[in-house]
C-alpha atoms as a PDB file:
ATOM      1  CA  MET A   1       0.011   0.041   0.018  1.00  0.00           C
ATOM      2  CA  LEU A   2       1.118   3.604  -0.547  1.00  0.00           C
ATOM      3  CA  ILE A   3       1.782   6.089   2.167  1.00  0.00           C
ATOM      4  CA  GLY A   4      -1.648   7.819   1.784  1.00  0.00           C
ATOM      5  CA  GLU A   5      -3.551   4.597   2.229  1.00  0.00           C
ATOM      6  CA  LEU A   6      -1.436   3.676   5.255  1.00  0.00           C
ATOM      7  CA  ALA A   7      -2.106   7.126   6.657  1.00  0.00           C
ATOM      8  CA  ARG A   8      -5.817   6.751   6.086  1.00  0.00           C
ATOM      9  CA  ILE A   9      -6.026   3.261   7.619  1.00  0.00           C
ATOM     10  CA  SER A  10      -3.723   3.929  10.546  1.00  0.00           C
ATOM     11  CA  GLY A  11      -5.059   7.452  11.303  1.00  0.00           C
ATOM     12  CA  VAL A  12      -1.478   8.741  11.344  1.00  0.00           C
ATOM     13  CA  ASP A  13      -0.471  11.638   9.089  1.00  0.00           C
ATOM     14  CA  ALA A  14       1.856  10.890   6.235  1.00  0.00           C
ATOM     15  CA  ARG A  15       4.389  13.352   7.524  1.00  0.00           C
ATOM     16  CA  LEU A  16       4.516  11.335  10.745  1.00  0.00           C
ATOM     17  CA  LEU A  17       4.897   8.135   8.806  1.00  0.00           C
ATOM     18  CA  ARG A  18       7.893   9.708   6.947  1.00  0.00           C
ATOM     19  CA  TYR A  19       9.322  10.854  10.300  1.00  0.00           C
ATOM     20  CA  TYR A  20       8.983   7.241  11.657  1.00  0.00           C
ATOM     21  CA  GLU A  21      10.825   6.062   8.551  1.00  0.00           C
ATOM     22  CA  ALA A  22      13.671   8.606   9.119  1.00  0.00           C
ATOM     23  CA  GLN A  23      13.842   7.342  12.763  1.00  0.00           C
ATOM     24  CA  GLY A  24      14.298   3.803  11.546  1.00  0.00           C
ATOM     25  CA  LEU A  25      10.949   2.636  12.888  1.00  0.00           C
ATOM     26  CA  LEU A  26       9.232   1.942   9.607  1.00  0.00           C
ATOM     27  CA  GLU A  27      10.851   0.376   6.569  1.00  0.00           C
ATOM     28  CA  PRO A  28       8.955   0.710   3.371  1.00  0.00           C
ATOM     29  CA  ARG A  29      10.071  -0.813   0.089  1.00  0.00           C
ATOM     30  CA  ARG A  30      10.472   1.535  -2.866  1.00  0.00           C
ATOM     31  CA  GLY A  31       8.518   0.849  -6.017  1.00  0.00           C
ATOM     32  CA  ALA A  32      10.078   1.230  -9.577  1.00  0.00           C
ATOM     33  CA  ASN A  33       8.452   4.696  -9.516  1.00  0.00           C
ATOM     34  CA  GLY A  34      10.221   5.562  -6.216  1.00  0.00           C
ATOM     35  CA  TYR A  35       7.024   5.573  -4.144  1.00  0.00           C
ATOM     36  CA  ARG A  36       6.985   4.151  -0.727  1.00  0.00           C
ATOM     37  CA  GLU A  37       5.255   0.841  -0.573  1.00  0.00           C
ATOM     38  CA  TYR A  38       4.190  -0.695   2.822  1.00  0.00           C
ATOM     39  CA  ASP A  39       3.124  -4.240   3.445  1.00  0.00           C
ATOM     40  CA  GLU A  40      -0.043  -5.021   5.388  1.00  0.00           C
ATOM     41  CA  ASN A  41       1.895  -5.402   8.619  1.00  0.00           C
ATOM     42  CA  ALA A  42       2.797  -1.741   8.573  1.00  0.00           C
ATOM     43  CA  VAL A  43      -0.586  -0.846   9.963  1.00  0.00           C
ATOM     44  CA  VAL A  44       0.173  -2.947  13.062  1.00  0.00           C
ATOM     45  CA  VAL A  45       3.683  -1.537  13.374  1.00  0.00           C
ATOM     46  CA  VAL A  46       2.344   2.068  13.237  1.00  0.00           C
ATOM     47  CA  ARG A  47      -0.213   1.188  15.918  1.00  0.00           C
ATOM     48  CA  GLN A  48       2.620  -0.306  18.005  1.00  0.00           C
ATOM     49  CA  ILE A  49       4.729   2.844  17.613  1.00  0.00           C
ATOM     50  CA  ARG A  50       1.796   5.086  18.572  1.00  0.00           C
ATOM     51  CA  ALA A  51       1.137   2.974  21.713  1.00  0.00           C
ATOM     52  CA  LEU A  52       4.773   3.109  22.733  1.00  0.00           C
ATOM     53  CA  LEU A  53       4.941   6.814  22.124  1.00  0.00           C
ATOM     54  CA  ASP A  54       1.751   7.253  24.200  1.00  0.00           C
ATOM     55  CA  ALA A  55       3.650   5.402  27.013  1.00  0.00           C
ATOM     56  CA  GLY A  56       6.260   8.074  26.862  1.00  0.00           C
ATOM     57  CA  LEU A  57       9.024   6.158  25.129  1.00  0.00           C
ATOM     58  CA  SER A  58      11.358   8.069  22.856  1.00  0.00           C
ATOM     59  CA  THR A  59      11.792   6.946  19.246  1.00  0.00           C
ATOM     60  CA  GLY A  60      15.301   5.704  20.129  1.00  0.00           C
ATOM     61  CA  VAL A  61      13.970   3.464  22.771  1.00  0.00           C
ATOM     62  CA  ILE A  62      11.173   2.385  20.493  1.00  0.00           C
ATOM     63  CA  ARG A  63      13.724   1.544  17.795  1.00  0.00           C
ATOM     64  CA  ALA A  64      15.523  -0.722  20.272  1.00  0.00           C
ATOM     65  CA  VAL A  65      12.552  -2.632  21.588  1.00  0.00           C
ATOM     66  CA  LEU A  66      10.319  -2.688  18.425  1.00  0.00           C
ATOM     67  CA  PRO A  67      11.789  -5.960  17.127  1.00  0.00           C
ATOM     68  CA  CYS A  68      10.472  -7.641  20.305  1.00  0.00           C
ATOM     69  CA  VAL A  69       6.953  -6.180  20.135  1.00  0.00           C
ATOM     70  CA  ARG A  70       4.030  -8.148  18.899  1.00  0.00           C
ATOM     71  CA  GLY A  71       0.316  -7.325  18.511  1.00  0.00           C
ATOM     72  CA  GLU A  72      -1.291  -3.884  18.539  1.00  0.00           C
ATOM     73  CA  LEU A  73      -1.492  -3.557  22.303  1.00  0.00           C
ATOM     74  CA  PRO A  74       1.580  -4.070  22.169  1.00  0.00           C
ATOM     75  CA  GLU A  75       2.862  -7.118  23.980  1.00  0.00           C
ATOM     76  CA  PHE A  76       6.564  -7.893  24.385  1.00  0.00           C
ATOM     77  CA  ASP A  77       8.665 -10.954  23.624  1.00  0.00           C
ATOM     78  CA  TRP A  78      11.275 -10.434  26.301  1.00  0.00           C
ATOM     79  CA  CYS A  79      14.266 -10.398  23.859  1.00  0.00           C
ATOM     80  CA  VAL A  80      17.766  -9.771  25.205  1.00  0.00           C
ATOM     81  CA  ASP A  81      18.017  -6.349  26.981  1.00  0.00           C
ATOM     82  CA  VAL A  82      14.344  -5.372  26.427  1.00  0.00           C
ATOM     83  CA  ARG A  83      13.295  -5.880  30.034  1.00  0.00           C
ATOM     84  CA  GLU A  84      16.326  -3.907  31.183  1.00  0.00           C
ATOM     85  CA  ILE A  85      15.467  -1.064  28.693  1.00  0.00           C
ATOM     86  CA  MET A  86      11.832  -1.008  29.970  1.00  0.00           C
ATOM     87  CA  ASP A  87      12.812  -1.167  33.647  1.00  0.00           C
ATOM     88  CA  ARG A  88      15.153   1.782  32.977  1.00  0.00           C
ATOM     89  CA  GLU A  89      12.294   3.769  31.305  1.00  0.00           C
ATOM     90  CA  LEU A  90      10.049   3.004  34.140  1.00  0.00           C
ATOM     91  CA  ALA A  91      12.506   4.277  36.645  1.00  0.00           C
ATOM     92  CA  ILE A  92      12.966   7.477  34.557  1.00  0.00           C
ATOM     93  CA  ALA A  93       9.140   7.971  34.443  1.00  0.00           C
ATOM     94  CA  GLU A  94       8.943   7.431  38.189  1.00  0.00           C
ATOM     95  CA  GLN A  95      11.678  10.036  38.747  1.00  0.00           C
ATOM     96  CA  ARG A  96       9.882  12.508  36.593  1.00  0.00           C
ATOM     97  CA  ILE A  97       6.635  11.980  38.535  1.00  0.00           C
ATOM     98  CA  ALA A  98       8.433  12.545  41.810  1.00  0.00           C
ATOM     99  CA  GLU A  99       9.972  15.770  40.453  1.00  0.00           C
ATOM    100  CA  LEU A 100       6.506  16.954  39.205  1.00  0.00           C
ATOM    101  CA  GLN A 101       4.966  16.118  42.649  1.00  0.00           C
ATOM    102  CA  ARG A 102       7.795  18.213  44.305  1.00  0.00           C
ATOM    103  CA  SER A 103       7.056  21.163  41.859  1.00  0.00           C
ATOM    104  CA  ARG A 104       3.366  20.819  42.423  1.00  0.00           C
ATOM    105  CA  SER A 105       3.761  20.986  46.240  1.00  0.00           C
ATOM    106  CA  ALA A 106       6.092  23.975  46.007  1.00  0.00           C
ATOM    107  CA  LEU A 107       3.579  25.811  43.666  1.00  0.00           C
ATOM    108  CA  ALA A 108       0.683  24.908  45.899  1.00  0.00           C
ATOM    109  CA  GLY A 109       2.509  26.212  48.840  1.00  0.00           C
ATOM    110  CA  PHE A 110       3.205  29.567  47.122  1.00  0.00           C
ATOM    111  CA  LEU A 111      -0.543  29.895  46.477  1.00  0.00           C
ATOM    112  CA  GLY A 112      -1.588  28.721  49.931  1.00  0.00           C
ATOM    113  CA  LYS A 113      -3.228  25.551  48.690  1.00  0.00           C
ATOM    114  CA  SER A 114      -2.511  21.977  49.622  1.00  0.00           C
END
């Protein structure tokens, strides 16, 4: 399928699909006319990418774990280093949450709110 069809089916703008390609997340073939051609699995891959981005992962982390992802939810085959990568990302997220909670408390204190 061409990029426009993938965009329509996946609900993801063609510009984002090209960005995912530039980040090494999507790998279309090129037709004789130079157009990007995606296989049917590309829809699932795009949905996986969106779910992982929604979870707060960077494209670099997604590139590392994507080969071990299956299904649209996605679910993981715990390939070498994937659990370590995900544990590290969870720790980073927890640290950011703690920092935001401290900031919120300070701001609330300035405003006389709890």
